């Protein structure tokens, strides 16, 4: 199944720990084979490293990073409407496929 979320999109968390806070963030990376994404400010982790012959961290320490979340746990935000929306696709007159907003009472507005 093709992912409807792309790199650079604005998304809102709808399930999980961060759903209570209503976190909205930008998509940094997309992994379509695993159907997972990295969102800024979401799923941060800390990893404790021993000192070793690693060129990145030879003295060890605590490294922070972003974990991936499943794409079904977030929903695409529309900048014009200012709320999460479902998406579909529509073919323009020149034959290009574009994403559009779907929903009750909404026109097929291109995102």
PDB file of N, CA and C in Angstrom:
ATOM      1  N   UNK A   1       0.840  -1.186   0.000  1.00  0.00           N
ATOM      2  CA  UNK A   1       0.000   0.000   0.000  1.00  0.00           C
ATOM      3  C   UNK A   1       0.879   1.241   0.000  1.00  0.00           C
ATOM      4  N   UNK A   2       0.521   2.209  -0.798  1.00  0.00           N
ATOM      5  CA  UNK A   2       1.303   3.426  -0.915  1.00  0.00           C
ATOM      6  C   UNK A   2       1.018   4.358   0.263  1.00  0.00           C
ATOM      7  N   UNK A   3       2.068   4.988   0.752  1.00  0.00           N
ATOM      8  CA  UNK A   3       1.910   5.924   1.870  1.00  0.00           C
ATOM      9  C   UNK A   3       1.368   7.257   1.370  1.00  0.00           C
ATOM     10  N   UNK A   4       0.471   7.847   2.148  1.00  0.00           N
ATOM     11  CA  UNK A   4      -0.111   9.136   1.783  1.00  0.00           C
ATOM     12  C   UNK A   4       0.636  10.293   2.438  1.00  0.00           C
ATOM     13  N   UNK A   5       1.593   9.974   3.303  1.00  0.00           N
ATOM     14  CA  UNK A   5       2.377  10.994   3.989  1.00  0.00           C
ATOM     15  C   UNK A   5       3.753  11.066   3.347  1.00  0.00           C
ATOM     16  N   UNK A   6       4.226  12.293   3.119  1.00  0.00           N
ATOM     17  CA  UNK A   6       5.516  12.494   2.458  1.00  0.00           C
ATOM     18  C   UNK A   6       6.431  13.336   3.341  1.00  0.00           C
ATOM     19  N   UNK A   7       7.699  13.333   2.997  1.00  0.00           N
ATOM     20  CA  UNK A   7       8.691  14.110   3.726  1.00  0.00           C
ATOM     21  C   UNK A   7       8.346  15.596   3.611  1.00  0.00           C
ATOM     22  N   UNK A   8       8.389  16.287   4.739  1.00  0.00           N
ATOM     23  CA  UNK A   8       8.083  17.708   4.760  1.00  0.00           C
ATOM     24  C   UNK A   8       6.639  18.034   5.109  1.00  0.00           C
ATOM     25  N   UNK A   9       5.763  17.041   5.161  1.00  0.00           N
ATOM     26  CA  UNK A   9       4.357  17.269   5.520  1.00  0.00           C
ATOM     27  C   UNK A   9       4.228  17.617   6.998  1.00  0.00           C
ATOM     28  N   UNK A  10       3.166  18.315   7.328  1.00  0.00           N
ATOM     29  CA  UNK A  10       2.828  18.626   8.701  1.00  0.00           C
ATOM     30  C   UNK A  10       1.794  17.606   9.153  1.00  0.00           C
ATOM     31  N   UNK A  11       2.056  16.915  10.270  1.00  0.00           N
ATOM     32  CA  UNK A  11       1.160  15.866  10.739  1.00  0.00           C
ATOM     33  C   UNK A  11       0.801  16.092  12.205  1.00  0.00           C
ATOM     34  N   UNK A  12      -0.340  15.517  12.616  1.00  0.00           N
ATOM     35  CA  UNK A  12      -0.777  15.568  14.004  1.00  0.00           C
ATOM     36  C   UNK A  12      -0.872  14.142  14.518  1.00  0.00           C
ATOM     37  N   UNK A  13      -0.395  13.915  15.745  1.00  0.00           N
ATOM     38  CA  UNK A  13      -0.434  12.596  16.350  1.00  0.00           C
ATOM     39  C   UNK A  13      -1.857  12.342  16.847  1.00  0.00           C
ATOM     40  N   UNK A  14      -2.442  11.191  16.440  1.00  0.00           N
ATOM     41  CA  UNK A  14      -3.821  10.891  16.830  1.00  0.00           C
ATOM     42  C   UNK A  14      -3.922   9.718  17.802  1.00  0.00           C
ATOM     43  N   UNK A  15      -2.872   8.897  17.916  1.00  0.00           N
ATOM     44  CA  UNK A  15      -2.867   7.798  18.875  1.00  0.00           C
ATOM     45  C   UNK A  15      -1.503   7.694  19.524  1.00  0.00           C
ATOM     46  N   UNK A  16      -1.452   7.045  20.687  1.00  0.00           N
ATOM     47  CA  UNK A  16      -0.188   6.858  21.390  1.00  0.00           C
ATOM     48  C   UNK A  16      -0.032   7.840  22.532  1.00  0.00           C
ATOM     49  N   UNK A  17       1.175   7.865  23.112  1.00  0.00           N
ATOM     50  CA  UNK A  17       1.457   8.707  24.270  1.00  0.00           C
ATOM     51  C   UNK A  17       1.312  10.197  23.970  1.00  0.00           C
ATOM     52  N   UNK A  18       1.779  10.618  22.794  1.00  0.00           N
ATOM     53  CA  UNK A  18       1.782  12.042  22.456  1.00  0.00           C
ATOM     54  C   UNK A  18       0.432  12.537  21.960  1.00  0.00           C
ATOM     55  N   UNK A  19      -0.555  11.661  21.827  1.00  0.00           N
ATOM     56  CA  UNK A  19      -1.866  12.069  21.331  1.00  0.00           C
ATOM     57  C   UNK A  19      -2.581  12.989  22.311  1.00  0.00           C
ATOM     58  N   UNK A  20      -2.337  12.791  23.611  1.00  0.00           N
ATOM     59  CA  UNK A  20      -2.993  13.631  24.621  1.00  0.00           C
ATOM     60  C   UNK A  20      -2.554  15.086  24.498  1.00  0.00           C
ATOM     61  N   UNK A  21      -1.295  15.300  24.146  1.00  0.00           N
ATOM     62  CA  UNK A  21      -0.801  16.659  24.010  1.00  0.00           C
ATOM     63  C   UNK A  21      -1.153  17.266  22.659  1.00  0.00           C
ATOM     64  N   UNK A  22      -1.597  16.444  21.716  1.00  0.00           N
ATOM     65  CA  UNK A  22      -1.965  16.954  20.389  1.00  0.00           C
ATOM     66  C   UNK A  22      -0.761  17.458  19.618  1.00  0.00           C
ATOM     67  N   UNK A  23       0.335  16.725  19.689  1.00  0.00           N
ATOM     68  CA  UNK A  23       1.577  17.143  19.063  1.00  0.00           C
ATOM     69  C   UNK A  23       1.437  17.278  17.545  1.00  0.00           C
ATOM     70  N   UNK A  24       1.892  18.397  17.020  1.00  0.00           N
ATOM     71  CA  UNK A  24       1.930  18.635  15.577  1.00  0.00           C
ATOM     72  C   UNK A  24       3.387  18.836  15.210  1.00  0.00           C
ATOM     73  N   UNK A  25       3.862  18.088  14.211  1.00  0.00           N
ATOM     74  CA  UNK A  25       5.258  18.192  13.813  1.00  0.00           C
ATOM     75  C   UNK A  25       5.459  17.933  12.339  1.00  0.00           C
ATOM     76  N   UNK A  26       6.667  18.207  11.902  1.00  0.00           N
ATOM     77  CA  UNK A  26       7.039  18.048  10.495  1.00  0.00           C
ATOM     78  C   UNK A  26       7.661  16.671  10.292  1.00  0.00           C
ATOM     79  N   UNK A  27       7.345  16.029   9.185  1.00  0.00           N
ATOM     80  CA  UNK A  27       7.898  14.716   8.863  1.00  0.00           C
ATOM     81  C   UNK A  27       9.324  14.907   8.361  1.00  0.00           C
ATOM     82  N   UNK A  28      10.279  14.240   9.026  1.00  0.00           N
ATOM     83  CA  UNK A  28      11.691  14.367   8.668  1.00  0.00           C
ATOM     84  C   UNK A  28      12.140  13.271   7.703  1.00  0.00           C
ATOM     85  N   UNK A  29      11.686  12.042   7.923  1.00  0.00           N
ATOM     86  CA  UNK A  29      12.052  10.914   7.067  1.00  0.00           C
ATOM     87  C   UNK A  29      10.863   9.992   6.902  1.00  0.00           C
ATOM     88  N   UNK A  30      10.824   9.298   5.764  1.00  0.00           N
ATOM     89  CA  UNK A  30       9.743   8.362   5.465  1.00  0.00           C
ATOM     90  C   UNK A  30      10.357   7.022   5.084  1.00  0.00           C
ATOM     91  N   UNK A  31       9.823   5.940   5.658  1.00  0.00           N
ATOM     92  CA  UNK A  31      10.259   4.581   5.348  1.00  0.00           C
ATOM     93  C   UNK A  31       9.059   3.811   4.788  1.00  0.00           C
ATOM     94  N   UNK A  32       8.832   3.854   3.473  1.00  0.00           N
ATOM     95  CA  UNK A  32       7.614   3.263   2.915  1.00  0.00           C
ATOM     96  C   UNK A  32       7.533   1.749   3.032  1.00  0.00           C
ATOM     97  N   UNK A  33       8.658   1.045   3.020  1.00  0.00           N
ATOM     98  CA  UNK A  33       8.605  -0.417   3.127  1.00  0.00           C
ATOM     99  C   UNK A  33       8.089  -0.858   4.490  1.00  0.00           C
ATOM    100  N   UNK A  34       8.459  -0.137   5.540  1.00  0.00           N
ATOM    101  CA  UNK A  34       8.006  -0.467   6.890  1.00  0.00           C
ATOM    102  C   UNK A  34       6.736   0.289   7.267  1.00  0.00           C
ATOM    103  N   UNK A  35       6.301   1.241   6.435  1.00  0.00           N
ATOM    104  CA  UNK A  35       5.143   2.096   6.686  1.00  0.00           C
ATOM    105  C   UNK A  35       5.339   2.898   7.974  1.00  0.00           C
ATOM    106  N   UNK A  36       6.554   3.436   8.150  1.00  0.00           N
ATOM    107  CA  UNK A  36       6.904   4.195   9.344  1.00  0.00           C
ATOM    108  C   UNK A  36       7.485   5.546   8.948  1.00  0.00           C
ATOM    109  N   UNK A  37       7.421   6.509   9.885  1.00  0.00           N
ATOM    110  CA  UNK A  37       7.937   7.850   9.634  1.00  0.00           C
ATOM    111  C   UNK A  37       8.655   8.368  10.878  1.00  0.00           C
ATOM    112  N   UNK A  38       9.513   9.388  10.674  1.00  0.00           N
ATOM    113  CA  UNK A  38      10.140  10.118  11.777  1.00  0.00           C
ATOM    114  C   UNK A  38       9.553  11.512  11.787  1.00  0.00           C
ATOM    115  N   UNK A  39       9.066  11.930  12.973  1.00  0.00           N
ATOM    116  CA  UNK A  39       8.448  13.241  13.139  1.00  0.00           C
ATOM    117  C   UNK A  39       9.276  14.017  14.158  1.00  0.00           C
ATOM    118  N   UNK A  40       9.528  15.304  13.867  1.00  0.00           N
ATOM    119  CA  UNK A  40      10.333  16.106  14.788  1.00  0.00           C
ATOM    120  C   UNK A  40       9.613  16.274  16.119  1.00  0.00           C
ATOM    121  N   UNK A  41      10.344  16.046  17.204  1.00  0.00           N
ATOM    122  CA  UNK A  41       9.803  16.193  18.546  1.00  0.00           C
ATOM    123  C   UNK A  41       8.988  15.015  19.039  1.00  0.00           C
ATOM    124  N   UNK A  42       8.924  13.935  18.279  1.00  0.00           N
ATOM    125  CA  UNK A  42       8.126  12.776  18.661  1.00  0.00           C
ATOM    126  C   UNK A  42       9.017  11.554  18.767  1.00  0.00           C
ATOM    127  N   UNK A  43       8.819  10.734  19.781  1.00  0.00           N
ATOM    128  CA  UNK A  43       9.518   9.462  19.981  1.00  0.00           C
ATOM    129  C   UNK A  43      11.033   9.655  20.094  1.00  0.00           C
ATOM    130  N   UNK A  44      11.437  10.555  20.981  1.00  0.00           N
ATOM    131  CA  UNK A  44      12.864  10.758  21.218  1.00  0.00           C
ATOM    132  C   UNK A  44      13.373   9.667  22.154  1.00  0.00           C
ATOM    133  N   UNK A  45      14.597   9.226  21.932  1.00  0.00           N
ATOM    134  CA  UNK A  45      15.190   8.206  22.791  1.00  0.00           C
ATOM    135  C   UNK A  45      16.609   8.611  23.158  1.00  0.00           C
ATOM    136  N   UNK A  46      17.124   7.993  24.242  1.00  0.00           N
ATOM    137  CA  UNK A  46      18.504   8.206  24.671  1.00  0.00           C
ATOM    138  C   UNK A  46      19.196   6.860  24.690  1.00  0.00           C
ATOM    139  N   UNK A  47      20.432   6.837  24.202  1.00  0.00           N
ATOM    140  CA  UNK A  47      21.207   5.602  24.143  1.00  0.00           C
ATOM    141  C   UNK A  47      22.537   5.851  24.866  1.00  0.00           C
ATOM    142  N   UNK A  48      22.872   4.977  25.802  1.00  0.00           N
ATOM    143  CA  UNK A  48      24.109   5.103  26.564  1.00  0.00           C
ATOM    144  C   UNK A  48      25.189   4.275  25.882  1.00  0.00           C
ATOM    145  N   UNK A  49      26.295   4.936  25.508  1.00  0.00           N
ATOM    146  CA  UNK A  49      27.381   4.280  24.784  1.00  0.00           C
ATOM    147  C   UNK A  49      28.623   4.161  25.655  1.00  0.00           C
ATOM    148  N   UNK A  50      29.268   2.996  25.569  1.00  0.00           N
ATOM    149  CA  UNK A  50      30.555   2.791  26.226  1.00  0.00           C
ATOM    150  C   UNK A  50      31.656   3.439  25.394  1.00  0.00           C
ATOM    151  N   UNK A  51      32.769   3.801  26.020  1.00  0.00           N
ATOM    152  CA  UNK A  51      33.899   4.284  25.241  1.00  0.00           C
ATOM    153  C   UNK A  51      34.448   3.150  24.359  1.00  0.00           C
ATOM    154  N   UNK A  52      34.661   3.444  23.084  1.00  0.00           N
ATOM    155  CA  UNK A  52      35.179   2.444  22.155  1.00  0.00           C
ATOM    156  C   UNK A  52      35.843   3.123  20.975  1.00  0.00           C
ATOM    157  N   UNK A  53      36.261   2.354  20.026  1.00  0.00           N
ATOM    158  CA  UNK A  53      36.999   2.889  18.884  1.00  0.00           C
ATOM    159  C   UNK A  53      36.071   3.365  17.769  1.00  0.00           C
ATOM    160  N   UNK A  54      34.954   3.910  18.139  1.00  0.00           N
ATOM    161  CA  UNK A  54      34.002   4.451  17.166  1.00  0.00           C
ATOM    162  C   UNK A  54      34.420   5.886  16.840  1.00  0.00           C
ATOM    163  N   UNK A  55      34.583   6.231  15.571  1.00  0.00           N
ATOM    164  CA  UNK A  55      35.023   7.592  15.246  1.00  0.00           C
ATOM    165  C   UNK A  55      34.015   8.678  15.624  1.00  0.00           C
ATOM    166  N   UNK A  56      32.736   8.344  15.707  1.00  0.00           N
ATOM    167  CA  UNK A  56      31.725   9.345  16.055  1.00  0.00           C
ATOM    168  C   UNK A  56      31.757   9.686  17.540  1.00  0.00           C
ATOM    169  N   UNK A  57      31.859   8.667  18.403  1.00  0.00           N
ATOM    170  CA  UNK A  57      31.846   8.865  19.857  1.00  0.00           C
ATOM    171  C   UNK A  57      32.941   8.028  20.505  1.00  0.00           C
ATOM    172  N   UNK A  58      34.205   8.429  20.412  1.00  0.00           N
ATOM    173  CA  UNK A  58      35.271   7.615  20.987  1.00  0.00           C
ATOM    174  C   UNK A  58      35.254   7.585  22.517  1.00  0.00           C
ATOM    175  N   UNK A  59      34.733   8.636  23.151  1.00  0.00           N
ATOM    176  CA  UNK A  59      34.713   8.654  24.610  1.00  0.00           C
ATOM    177  C   UNK A  59      33.379   8.168  25.184  1.00  0.00           C
ATOM    178  N   UNK A  60      32.437   7.781  24.333  1.00  0.00           N
ATOM    179  CA  UNK A  60      31.147   7.291  24.804  1.00  0.00           C
ATOM    180  C   UNK A  60      30.232   8.430  25.185  1.00  0.00           C
ATOM    181  N   UNK A  61      29.252   8.155  26.021  1.00  0.00           N
ATOM    182  CA  UNK A  61      28.332   9.187  26.478  1.00  0.00           C
ATOM    183  C   UNK A  61      26.888   8.824  26.184  1.00  0.00           C
ATOM    184  N   UNK A  62      26.033   9.814  26.286  1.00  0.00           N
ATOM    185  CA  UNK A  62      24.604   9.632  26.045  1.00  0.00           C
ATOM    186  C   UNK A  62      24.255  10.295  24.716  1.00  0.00           C
ATOM    187  N   UNK A  63      23.683   9.504  23.806  1.00  0.00           N
ATOM    188  CA  UNK A  63      23.312   9.990  22.487  1.00  0.00           C
ATOM    189  C   UNK A  63      21.790  10.005  22.392  1.00  0.00           C
ATOM    190  N   UNK A  64      21.239  11.112  21.903  1.00  0.00           N
ATOM    191  CA  UNK A  64      19.796  11.189  21.714  1.00  0.00           C
ATOM    192  C   UNK A  64      19.466  11.084  20.237  1.00  0.00           C
ATOM    193  N   UNK A  65      18.273  10.582  19.945  1.00  0.00           N
ATOM    194  CA  UNK A  65      17.845  10.445  18.567  1.00  0.00           C
ATOM    195  C   UNK A  65      16.335  10.362  18.477  1.00  0.00           C
ATOM    196  N   UNK A  66      15.837  10.202  17.254  1.00  0.00           N
ATOM    197  CA  UNK A  66      14.406  10.086  17.021  1.00  0.00           C
ATOM    198  C   UNK A  66      14.082   8.683  16.546  1.00  0.00           C
ATOM    199  N   UNK A  67      13.102   8.064  17.171  1.00  0.00           N
ATOM    200  CA  UNK A  67      12.633   6.751  16.744  1.00  0.00           C
ATOM    201  C   UNK A  67      11.522   6.942  15.714  1.00  0.00           C
ATOM    202  N   UNK A  68      11.214   5.883  14.986  1.00  0.00           N
ATOM    203  CA  UNK A  68      10.148   5.954  14.002  1.00  0.00           C
ATOM    204  C   UNK A  68       8.811   5.613  14.655  1.00  0.00           C
ATOM    205  N   UNK A  69       7.741   6.115  14.078  1.00  0.00           N
ATOM    206  CA  UNK A  69       6.385   5.773  14.498  1.00  0.00           C
ATOM    207  C   UNK A  69       5.634   5.265  13.281  1.00  0.00           C
ATOM    208  N   UNK A  70       4.608   4.473  13.524  1.00  0.00           N
ATOM    209  CA  UNK A  70       3.822   3.930  12.421  1.00  0.00           C
ATOM    210  C   UNK A  70       2.997   5.047  11.789  1.00  0.00           C
ATOM    211  N   UNK A  71       2.864   5.006  10.481  1.00  0.00           N
ATOM    212  CA  UNK A  71       2.170   6.065   9.753  1.00  0.00           C
ATOM    213  C   UNK A  71       0.690   6.137  10.101  1.00  0.00           C
ATOM    214  N   UNK A  72       0.122   5.047  10.615  1.00  0.00           N
ATOM    215  CA  UNK A  72      -1.295   5.062  10.973  1.00  0.00           C
ATOM    216  C   UNK A  72      -1.556   5.823  12.267  1.00  0.00           C
ATOM    217  N   UNK A  73      -0.515   6.164  13.011  1.00  0.00           N
ATOM    218  CA  UNK A  73      -0.670   6.888  14.265  1.00  0.00           C
ATOM    219  C   UNK A  73      -0.706   8.405  14.084  1.00  0.00           C
ATOM    220  N   UNK A  74      -0.536   8.882  12.863  1.00  0.00           N
ATOM    221  CA  UNK A  74      -0.560  10.311  12.595  1.00  0.00           C
ATOM    222  C   UNK A  74      -1.553  10.606  11.478  1.00  0.00           C
ATOM    223  N   UNK A  75      -1.946  11.881  11.396  1.00  0.00           N
ATOM    224  CA  UNK A  75      -2.891  12.311  10.381  1.00  0.00           C
ATOM    225  C   UNK A  75      -2.380  13.598   9.761  1.00  0.00           C
ATOM    226  N   UNK A  76      -2.509  13.727   8.465  1.00  0.00           N
ATOM    227  CA  UNK A  76      -2.014  14.884   7.734  1.00  0.00           C
ATOM    228  C   UNK A  76      -2.786  16.137   8.117  1.00  0.00           C
ATOM    229  N   UNK A  77      -2.056  17.240   8.360  1.00  0.00           N
ATOM    230  CA  UNK A  77      -2.676  18.519   8.699  1.00  0.00           C
ATOM    231  C   UNK A  77      -2.778  19.374   7.440  1.00  0.00           C
ATOM    232  N   UNK A  78      -3.895  20.041   7.279  1.00  0.00           N
ATOM    233  CA  UNK A  78      -4.080  20.970   6.170  1.00  0.00           C
ATOM    234  C   UNK A  78      -3.745  22.372   6.665  1.00  0.00           C
ATOM    235  N   UNK A  79      -2.847  23.056   5.965  1.00  0.00           N
ATOM    236  CA  UNK A  79      -2.467  24.408   6.380  1.00  0.00           C
ATOM    237  C   UNK A  79      -3.620  25.392   6.160  1.00  0.00           C
ATOM    238  N   UNK A  80      -4.400  25.181   5.095  1.00  0.00           N
ATOM    239  CA  UNK A  80      -5.489  26.114   4.808  1.00  0.00           C
ATOM    240  C   UNK A  80      -6.657  25.945   5.779  1.00  0.00           C
ATOM    241  N   UNK A  81      -6.992  24.694   6.124  1.00  0.00           N
ATOM    242  CA  UNK A  81      -8.098  24.451   7.048  1.00  0.00           C
ATOM    243  C   UNK A  81      -7.661  24.509   8.500  1.00  0.00           C
ATOM    244  N   UNK A  82      -6.382  24.216   8.768  1.00  0.00           N
ATOM    245  CA  UNK A  82      -5.861  24.248  10.127  1.00  0.00           C
ATOM    246  C   UNK A  82      -6.300  23.073  10.982  1.00  0.00           C
ATOM    247  N   UNK A  83      -6.622  21.955  10.367  1.00  0.00           N
ATOM    248  CA  UNK A  83      -7.049  20.770  11.104  1.00  0.00           C
ATOM    249  C   UNK A  83      -6.607  19.516  10.370  1.00  0.00           C
ATOM    250  N   UNK A  84      -6.620  18.353  11.042  1.00  0.00           N
ATOM    251  CA  UNK A  84      -6.254  17.109  10.371  1.00  0.00           C
ATOM    252  C   UNK A  84      -7.297  16.728   9.324  1.00  0.00           C
ATOM    253  N   UNK A  85      -6.836  16.201   8.202  1.00  0.00           N
ATOM    254  CA  UNK A  85      -7.738  15.843   7.103  1.00  0.00           C
ATOM    255  C   UNK A  85      -7.378  14.476   6.534  1.00  0.00           C
ATOM    256  N   UNK A  86      -8.373  13.850   5.908  1.00  0.00           N
ATOM    257  CA  UNK A  86      -8.126  12.642   5.134  1.00  0.00           C
ATOM    258  C   UNK A  86      -7.753  13.079   3.731  1.00  0.00           C
ATOM    259  N   UNK A  87      -6.969  12.260   3.045  1.00  0.00           N
ATOM    260  CA  UNK A  87      -6.513  12.641   1.719  1.00  0.00           C
ATOM    261  C   UNK A  87      -6.938  11.616   0.686  1.00  0.00           C
ATOM    262  N   UNK A  88      -6.992  12.068  -0.535  1.00  0.00           N
ATOM    263  CA  UNK A  88      -7.248  11.220  -1.685  1.00  0.00           C
ATOM    264  C   UNK A  88      -6.397  11.726  -2.823  1.00  0.00           C
ATOM    265  N   UNK A  89      -6.678  11.255  -4.017  1.00  0.00           N
ATOM    266  CA  UNK A  89      -5.922  11.755  -5.171  1.00  0.00           C
ATOM    267  C   UNK A  89      -6.889  12.106  -6.283  1.00  0.00           C
ATOM    268  N   UNK A  90      -6.512  13.077  -7.055  1.00  0.00           N
ATOM    269  CA  UNK A  90      -7.311  13.530  -8.183  1.00  0.00           C
ATOM    270  C   UNK A  90      -6.350  13.779  -9.346  1.00  0.00           C
ATOM    271  N   UNK A  91      -6.819  13.514 -10.554  1.00  0.00           N
ATOM    272  CA  UNK A  91      -6.000  13.725 -11.745  1.00  0.00           C
ATOM    273  C   UNK A  91      -6.325  15.103 -12.299  1.00  0.00           C
ATOM    274  N   UNK A  92      -5.282  15.934 -12.471  1.00  0.00           N
ATOM    275  CA  UNK A  92      -5.495  17.282 -12.987  1.00  0.00           C
ATOM    276  C   UNK A  92      -5.712  17.231 -14.497  1.00  0.00           C
ATOM    277  N   UNK A  93      -6.001  18.371 -15.089  1.00  0.00           N
ATOM    278  CA  UNK A  93      -6.301  18.434 -16.509  1.00  0.00           C
ATOM    279  C   UNK A  93      -5.092  18.115 -17.381  1.00  0.00           C
ATOM    280  N   UNK A  94      -3.883  18.369 -16.853  1.00  0.00           N
ATOM    281  CA  UNK A  94      -2.686  18.047 -17.625  1.00  0.00           C
ATOM    282  C   UNK A  94      -2.240  16.599 -17.426  1.00  0.00           C
ATOM    283  N   UNK A  95      -3.000  15.822 -16.640  1.00  0.00           N
ATOM    284  CA  UNK A  95      -2.716  14.398 -16.465  1.00  0.00           C
ATOM    285  C   UNK A  95      -1.876  14.058 -15.256  1.00  0.00           C
ATOM    286  N   UNK A  96      -1.512  15.047 -14.443  1.00  0.00           N
ATOM    287  CA  UNK A  96      -0.698  14.791 -13.258  1.00  0.00           C
ATOM    288  C   UNK A  96      -1.592  14.402 -12.093  1.00  0.00           C
ATOM    289  N   UNK A  97      -1.122  13.449 -11.286  1.00  0.00           N
ATOM    290  CA  UNK A  97      -1.863  13.007 -10.111  1.00  0.00           C
ATOM    291  C   UNK A  97      -1.472  13.888  -8.934  1.00  0.00           C
ATOM    292  N   UNK A  98      -2.477  14.420  -8.194  1.00  0.00           N
ATOM    293  CA  UNK A  98      -2.217  15.312  -7.074  1.00  0.00           C
ATOM    294  C   UNK A  98      -3.014  14.861  -5.855  1.00  0.00           C
ATOM    295  N   UNK A  99      -2.493  15.195  -4.660  1.00  0.00           N
ATOM    296  CA  UNK A  99      -3.211  14.891  -3.430  1.00  0.00           C
ATOM    297  C   UNK A  99      -4.278  15.949  -3.200  1.00  0.00           C
ATOM    298  N   UNK A 100      -5.413  15.528  -2.642  1.00  0.00           N
ATOM    299  CA  UNK A 100      -6.474  16.468  -2.338  1.00  0.00           C
ATOM    300  C   UNK A 100      -7.122  16.096  -1.013  1.00  0.00           C
ATOM    301  N   UNK A 101      -7.852  17.043  -0.442  1.00  0.00           N
ATOM    302  CA  UNK A 101      -8.550  16.853   0.828  1.00  0.00           C
ATOM    303  C   UNK A 101      -9.870  16.144   0.548  1.00  0.00           C
ATOM    304  N   UNK A 102     -10.187  15.158   1.376  1.00  0.00           N
ATOM    305  CA  UNK A 102     -11.456  14.445   1.277  1.00  0.00           C
ATOM    306  C   UNK A 102     -12.245  14.668   2.551  1.00  0.00           C
ATOM    307  N   UNK A 103     -13.564  14.641   2.443  1.00  0.00           N
ATOM    308  CA  UNK A 103     -14.387  14.738   3.630  1.00  0.00           C
ATOM    309  C   UNK A 103     -15.744  15.299   3.323  1.00  0.00           C
ATOM    310  N   UNK A 104     -16.601  15.206   4.304  1.00  0.00           N
ATOM    311  CA  UNK A 104     -17.966  15.658   4.160  1.00  0.00           C
ATOM    312  C   UNK A 104     -17.984  17.187   4.092  1.00  0.00           C
ATOM    313  N   UNK A 105     -18.622  17.728   3.082  1.00  0.00           N
ATOM    314  CA  UNK A 105     -18.755  19.178   2.938  1.00  0.00           C
ATOM    315  C   UNK A 105     -17.509  19.858   2.424  1.00  0.00           C
ATOM    316  N   UNK A 106     -16.525  19.104   1.952  1.00  0.00           N
ATOM    317  CA  UNK A 106     -15.298  19.712   1.431  1.00  0.00           C
ATOM    318  C   UNK A 106     -15.188  19.460  -0.065  1.00  0.00           C
ATOM    319  N   UNK A 107     -14.699  20.448  -0.769  1.00  0.00           N
ATOM    320  CA  UNK A 107     -14.417  20.257  -2.176  1.00  0.00           C
ATOM    321  C   UNK A 107     -13.083  19.539  -2.300  1.00  0.00           C
ATOM    322  N   UNK A 108     -12.774  19.018  -3.460  1.00  0.00           N
ATOM    323  CA  UNK A 108     -11.504  18.336  -3.680  1.00  0.00           C
ATOM    324  C   UNK A 108     -10.392  19.374  -3.778  1.00  0.00           C
ATOM    325  N   UNK A 109     -10.037  19.951  -2.645  1.00  0.00           N
ATOM    326  CA  UNK A 109      -9.010  20.981  -2.575  1.00  0.00           C
ATOM    327  C   UNK A 109      -7.630  20.328  -2.645  1.00  0.00           C
ATOM    328  N   UNK A 110      -6.797  20.783  -3.560  1.00  0.00           N
ATOM    329  CA  UNK A 110      -5.465  20.208  -3.748  1.00  0.00           C
ATOM    330  C   UNK A 110      -4.548  20.702  -2.643  1.00  0.00           C
ATOM    331  N   UNK A 111      -3.812  19.754  -2.062  1.00  0.00           N
ATOM    332  CA  UNK A 111      -2.877  20.089  -0.980  1.00  0.00           C
ATOM    333  C   UNK A 111      -1.555  20.504  -1.575  1.00  0.00           C
TER     334      UNK A 111
END
